Amino acid sequence: MRFAITLLVASLAHVVPTVSLAQQQRPDEQNEVRRDLRSGAVRSLRDIERRVLPTKPGMQYLGPEYDPSAMVYRLKFIRDGRVVFVDVDARTGQVVGESR
């Protein structure tokens, strides 16, 4: 039992720095989209999701990313083990690309 706990703690020690790094990068993205929303330059993520999600039946939505330099939301989906990225113009809400 003690060996299992030690092994668990040791394995988690490798995960914590990765999660921490990801969390440090995410606030910058959030700050950029908040700034663009306040200025009226882009639509809200909720608005974008309301437009796009219904067009992807049978796909599981995994979440968004925001590219402030391109002003594009990238929505990530999965279907039958294949990942699909849908790029949406954050200003207009129009789908500008899809990659599989």
N, C-alpha and C. Protein backbone atom coordinates (compact mmCIF):
# COMPACT_ATOMS: atom_id res chain seq x y z
N MET A 1 0.82 -1.18 0.00
CA MET A 1 0.00 0.00 0.00
C MET A 1 0.87 1.26 0.00
N ARG A 2 1.87 1.27 0.82
CA ARG A 2 2.75 2.43 0.91
C ARG A 2 3.48 2.65 -0.42
N PHE A 3 3.86 1.54 -1.07
CA PHE A 3 4.52 1.63 -2.37
C PHE A 3 3.58 2.26 -3.41
N ALA A 4 2.31 1.89 -3.39
CA ALA A 4 1.33 2.44 -4.33
C ALA A 4 1.14 3.94 -4.12
N ILE A 5 1.10 4.37 -2.89
CA ILE A 5 0.95 5.80 -2.59
C ILE A 5 2.19 6.57 -3.06
N THR A 6 3.37 6.01 -2.80
CA THR A 6 4.61 6.64 -3.23
C THR A 6 4.66 6.75 -4.75
N LEU A 7 4.24 5.69 -5.42
CA LEU A 7 4.21 5.69 -6.88
C LEU A 7 3.23 6.74 -7.41
N LEU A 8 2.07 6.85 -6.79
CA LEU A 8 1.07 7.83 -7.19
C LEU A 8 1.61 9.25 -7.02
N VAL A 9 2.21 9.53 -5.87
CA VAL A 9 2.75 10.87 -5.60
C VAL A 9 3.86 11.18 -6.59
N ALA A 10 4.71 10.22 -6.88
CA ALA A 10 5.81 10.43 -7.82
C ALA A 10 5.27 10.72 -9.22
N SER A 11 4.23 10.00 -9.63
CA SER A 11 3.68 10.23 -10.97
C SER A 11 2.99 11.58 -11.05
N LEU A 12 2.34 12.02 -9.99
CA LEU A 12 1.68 13.32 -9.98
C LEU A 12 2.68 14.47 -10.00
N ALA A 13 3.84 14.25 -9.46
CA ALA A 13 4.86 15.30 -9.44
C ALA A 13 5.25 15.71 -10.85
N HIS A 14 5.14 14.79 -11.81
CA HIS A 14 5.45 15.12 -13.20
C HIS A 14 4.29 15.84 -13.88
N VAL A 15 3.08 15.63 -13.41
CA VAL A 15 1.90 16.24 -14.02
C VAL A 15 1.74 17.69 -13.57
N VAL A 16 2.00 17.99 -12.35
CA VAL A 16 1.76 19.32 -11.79
C VAL A 16 2.46 20.42 -12.58
N PRO A 17 3.76 20.31 -12.93
CA PRO A 17 4.37 21.39 -13.70
C PRO A 17 3.70 21.61 -15.06
N THR A 18 3.27 20.55 -15.72
CA THR A 18 2.61 20.67 -17.01
C THR A 18 1.29 21.41 -16.87
N VAL A 19 0.51 21.05 -15.89
CA VAL A 19 -0.77 21.72 -15.66
C VAL A 19 -0.52 23.19 -15.32
N SER A 20 0.45 23.44 -14.50
CA SER A 20 0.76 24.80 -14.10
C SER A 20 1.15 25.65 -15.31
N LEU A 21 1.97 25.11 -16.20
CA LEU A 21 2.38 25.83 -17.39
C LEU A 21 1.18 26.12 -18.28
N ALA A 22 0.30 25.15 -18.45
CA ALA A 22 -0.90 25.36 -19.26
C ALA A 22 -1.79 26.43 -18.66
N GLN A 23 -1.91 26.44 -17.35
CA GLN A 23 -2.74 27.44 -16.69
C GLN A 23 -2.12 28.82 -16.81
N GLN A 24 -0.80 28.91 -16.83
CA GLN A 24 -0.14 30.21 -16.98
C GLN A 24 -0.37 30.78 -18.37
N GLN A 25 -0.45 29.94 -19.39
CA GLN A 25 -0.64 30.42 -20.75
C GLN A 25 -2.09 30.81 -21.01
N ARG A 26 -3.02 30.13 -20.41
CA ARG A 26 -4.44 30.36 -20.65
C ARG A 26 -4.91 31.76 -20.25
N PRO A 27 -4.48 32.33 -19.13
CA PRO A 27 -4.94 33.68 -18.78
C PRO A 27 -4.59 34.73 -19.83
N ASP A 28 -3.46 34.62 -20.50
CA ASP A 28 -3.11 35.57 -21.55
C ASP A 28 -4.15 35.53 -22.67
N GLU A 29 -4.51 34.33 -23.07
CA GLU A 29 -5.53 34.15 -24.10
C GLU A 29 -6.86 34.75 -23.64
N GLN A 30 -7.22 34.50 -22.40
CA GLN A 30 -8.46 35.04 -21.86
C GLN A 30 -8.42 36.56 -21.80
N ASN A 31 -7.30 37.11 -21.42
CA ASN A 31 -7.18 38.57 -21.36
C ASN A 31 -7.32 39.19 -22.74
N GLU A 32 -6.73 38.56 -23.74
CA GLU A 32 -6.82 39.07 -25.11
C GLU A 32 -8.26 39.07 -25.60
N VAL A 33 -8.98 37.97 -25.38
CA VAL A 33 -10.35 37.91 -25.87
C VAL A 33 -11.24 38.88 -25.08
N ARG A 34 -11.00 39.03 -23.79
CA ARG A 34 -11.77 40.01 -23.01
C ARG A 34 -11.57 41.43 -23.55
N ARG A 35 -10.33 41.76 -23.84
CA ARG A 35 -10.03 43.08 -24.38
C ARG A 35 -10.75 43.29 -25.70
N ASP A 36 -10.70 42.29 -26.58
CA ASP A 36 -11.35 42.40 -27.88
C ASP A 36 -12.88 42.45 -27.75
N LEU A 37 -13.43 41.73 -26.77
CA LEU A 37 -14.88 41.79 -26.53
C LEU A 37 -15.30 43.17 -26.05
N ARG A 38 -14.56 43.73 -25.09
CA ARG A 38 -14.87 45.06 -24.55
C ARG A 38 -14.82 46.14 -25.63
N SER A 39 -13.90 45.99 -26.53
CA SER A 39 -13.77 47.00 -27.60
C SER A 39 -14.84 46.81 -28.68
N GLY A 40 -15.55 45.70 -28.63
CA GLY A 40 -16.58 45.43 -29.63
C GLY A 40 -16.02 44.86 -30.92
N ALA A 41 -14.76 44.46 -30.90
CA ALA A 41 -14.12 43.95 -32.11
C ALA A 41 -14.55 42.53 -32.46
N VAL A 42 -14.94 41.75 -31.44
CA VAL A 42 -15.29 40.33 -31.68
C VAL A 42 -16.61 39.97 -31.01
N ARG A 43 -17.17 38.88 -31.48
CA ARG A 43 -18.39 38.33 -30.88
C ARG A 43 -17.99 37.47 -29.68
N SER A 44 -18.94 37.23 -28.81
CA SER A 44 -18.66 36.39 -27.65
C SER A 44 -18.54 34.93 -28.07
N LEU A 45 -17.82 34.17 -27.26
CA LEU A 45 -17.68 32.75 -27.51
C LEU A 45 -19.05 32.07 -27.50
N ARG A 46 -19.92 32.48 -26.58
CA ARG A 46 -21.27 31.89 -26.52
C ARG A 46 -22.01 32.09 -27.83
N ASP A 47 -21.90 33.27 -28.41
CA ASP A 47 -22.55 33.54 -29.68
C ASP A 47 -21.98 32.64 -30.78
N ILE A 48 -20.68 32.52 -30.81
CA ILE A 48 -20.01 31.67 -31.80
C ILE A 48 -20.46 30.22 -31.63
N GLU A 49 -20.45 29.73 -30.38
CA GLU A 49 -20.86 28.34 -30.12
C GLU A 49 -22.32 28.12 -30.51
N ARG A 50 -23.19 29.09 -30.24
CA ARG A 50 -24.62 28.97 -30.62
C ARG A 50 -24.78 28.80 -32.12
N ARG A 51 -23.90 29.43 -32.87
CA ARG A 51 -23.97 29.35 -34.34
C ARG A 51 -23.38 28.04 -34.87
N VAL A 52 -22.25 27.61 -34.30
CA VAL A 52 -21.49 26.51 -34.89
C VAL A 52 -21.89 25.14 -34.37
N LEU A 53 -22.10 25.00 -33.06
CA LEU A 53 -22.35 23.67 -32.50
C LEU A 53 -23.52 22.94 -33.15
N PRO A 54 -24.63 23.60 -33.46
CA PRO A 54 -25.73 22.88 -34.11
C PRO A 54 -25.39 22.35 -35.51
N THR A 55 -24.33 22.87 -36.11
CA THR A 55 -23.96 22.42 -37.45
C THR A 55 -23.05 21.20 -37.42
N LYS A 56 -22.75 20.70 -36.22
CA LYS A 56 -21.83 19.57 -36.06
C LYS A 56 -22.50 18.41 -35.31
N PRO A 57 -23.62 17.92 -35.81
CA PRO A 57 -24.29 16.82 -35.10
C PRO A 57 -23.41 15.56 -35.11
N GLY A 58 -23.47 14.83 -34.03
CA GLY A 58 -22.69 13.60 -33.92
C GLY A 58 -21.24 13.82 -33.52
N MET A 59 -20.86 15.07 -33.34
CA MET A 59 -19.50 15.37 -32.92
C MET A 59 -19.51 15.82 -31.46
N GLN A 60 -18.50 15.42 -30.73
CA GLN A 60 -18.35 15.86 -29.34
C GLN A 60 -17.49 17.11 -29.33
N TYR A 61 -18.00 18.16 -28.70
CA TYR A 61 -17.28 19.43 -28.61
C TYR A 61 -16.28 19.35 -27.47
N LEU A 62 -15.01 19.62 -27.77
CA LEU A 62 -13.95 19.54 -26.77
C LEU A 62 -13.58 20.90 -26.19
N GLY A 63 -13.85 21.99 -26.92
CA GLY A 63 -13.56 23.30 -26.38
C GLY A 63 -12.94 24.24 -27.38
N PRO A 64 -12.77 25.51 -26.96
CA PRO A 64 -12.26 26.54 -27.86
C PRO A 64 -10.84 26.97 -27.54
N GLU A 65 -10.25 27.66 -28.50
CA GLU A 65 -9.03 28.44 -28.32
C GLU A 65 -9.29 29.76 -29.04
N TYR A 66 -8.54 30.78 -28.68
CA TYR A 66 -8.69 32.07 -29.34
C TYR A 66 -7.33 32.55 -29.81
N ASP A 67 -7.24 32.95 -31.06
CA ASP A 67 -6.01 33.51 -31.61
C ASP A 67 -6.21 35.01 -31.77
N PRO A 68 -5.65 35.81 -30.86
CA PRO A 68 -5.89 37.26 -30.90
C PRO A 68 -5.29 37.94 -32.13
N SER A 69 -4.20 37.44 -32.66
CA SER A 69 -3.59 38.10 -33.81
C SER A 69 -4.44 37.91 -35.06
N ALA A 70 -5.10 36.75 -35.19
CA ALA A 70 -5.95 36.49 -36.35
C ALA A 70 -7.41 36.80 -36.05
N MET A 71 -7.74 37.02 -34.77
CA MET A 71 -9.13 37.19 -34.32
C MET A 71 -9.99 36.03 -34.80
N VAL A 72 -9.53 34.84 -34.44
CA VAL A 72 -10.19 33.60 -34.84
C VAL A 72 -10.36 32.71 -33.62
N TYR A 73 -11.57 32.18 -33.48
CA TYR A 73 -11.81 31.13 -32.51
C TYR A 73 -11.56 29.80 -33.22
N ARG A 74 -10.87 28.89 -32.56
CA ARG A 74 -10.69 27.53 -33.08
C ARG A 74 -11.46 26.61 -32.15
N LEU A 75 -12.52 26.01 -32.68
CA LEU A 75 -13.34 25.09 -31.92
C LEU A 75 -12.88 23.67 -32.23
N LYS A 76 -12.70 22.88 -31.19
CA LYS A 76 -12.16 21.53 -31.35
C LYS A 76 -13.26 20.51 -31.09
N PHE A 77 -13.42 19.58 -32.04
CA PHE A 77 -14.41 18.52 -31.95
C PHE A 77 -13.73 17.17 -32.15
N ILE A 78 -14.43 16.10 -31.75
CA ILE A 78 -13.95 14.75 -32.02
C ILE A 78 -15.13 13.91 -32.46
N ARG A 79 -14.85 13.03 -33.43
CA ARG A 79 -15.88 12.13 -33.95
C ARG A 79 -15.18 10.87 -34.43
N ASP A 80 -15.62 9.75 -33.94
CA ASP A 80 -15.04 8.46 -34.32
C ASP A 80 -13.52 8.44 -34.16
N GLY A 81 -13.03 9.08 -33.09
CA GLY A 81 -11.61 9.10 -32.80
C GLY A 81 -10.81 10.09 -33.63
N ARG A 82 -11.46 10.86 -34.47
CA ARG A 82 -10.76 11.85 -35.30
C ARG A 82 -11.07 13.26 -34.80
N VAL A 83 -10.03 14.05 -34.66
CA VAL A 83 -10.17 15.43 -34.19
C VAL A 83 -10.44 16.33 -35.39
N VAL A 84 -11.39 17.24 -35.21
CA VAL A 84 -11.74 18.21 -36.25
C VAL A 84 -11.64 19.60 -35.62
N PHE A 85 -10.93 20.49 -36.31
CA PHE A 85 -10.83 21.88 -35.87
C PHE A 85 -11.67 22.73 -36.80
N VAL A 86 -12.48 23.60 -36.21
CA VAL A 86 -13.30 24.53 -36.98
C VAL A 86 -12.85 25.94 -36.60
N ASP A 87 -12.35 26.67 -37.59
CA ASP A 87 -11.89 28.04 -37.38
C ASP A 87 -13.02 28.99 -37.73
N VAL A 88 -13.30 29.92 -36.79
CA VAL A 88 -14.42 30.85 -36.95
C VAL A 88 -13.91 32.26 -36.79
N ASP A 89 -14.25 33.10 -37.74
CA ASP A 89 -13.89 34.52 -37.65
C ASP A 89 -14.61 35.12 -36.45
N ALA A 90 -13.87 35.60 -35.48
CA ALA A 90 -14.46 36.10 -34.23
C ALA A 90 -15.22 37.41 -34.45
N ARG A 91 -14.94 38.10 -35.53
CA ARG A 91 -15.64 39.36 -35.81
C ARG A 91 -17.02 39.12 -36.41
N THR A 92 -17.11 38.15 -37.33
CA THR A 92 -18.35 37.93 -38.07
C THR A 92 -19.12 36.70 -37.63
N GLY A 93 -18.42 35.73 -37.03
CA GLY A 93 -19.06 34.47 -36.67
C GLY A 93 -19.10 33.47 -37.80
N GLN A 94 -18.49 33.81 -38.92
CA GLN A 94 -18.49 32.92 -40.09
C GLN A 94 -17.37 31.88 -39.98
N VAL A 95 -17.67 30.64 -40.36
CA VAL A 95 -16.66 29.59 -40.39
C VAL A 95 -15.71 29.92 -41.55
N VAL A 96 -14.42 29.96 -41.24
CA VAL A 96 -13.42 30.29 -42.26
C VAL A 96 -12.56 29.10 -42.65
N GLY A 97 -12.70 27.99 -41.92
CA GLY A 97 -11.93 26.81 -42.26
C GLY A 97 -12.24 25.65 -41.36
N GLU A 98 -11.99 24.46 -41.88
CA GLU A 98 -12.19 23.24 -41.11
C GLU A 98 -11.09 22.28 -41.49
N SER A 99 -10.43 21.70 -40.49
CA SER A 99 -9.35 20.75 -40.75
C SER A 99 -9.62 19.46 -40.01
N ARG A 100 -9.25 18.38 -40.63
CA ARG A 100 -9.45 17.05 -40.05
C ARG A 100 -8.14 16.34 -39.90
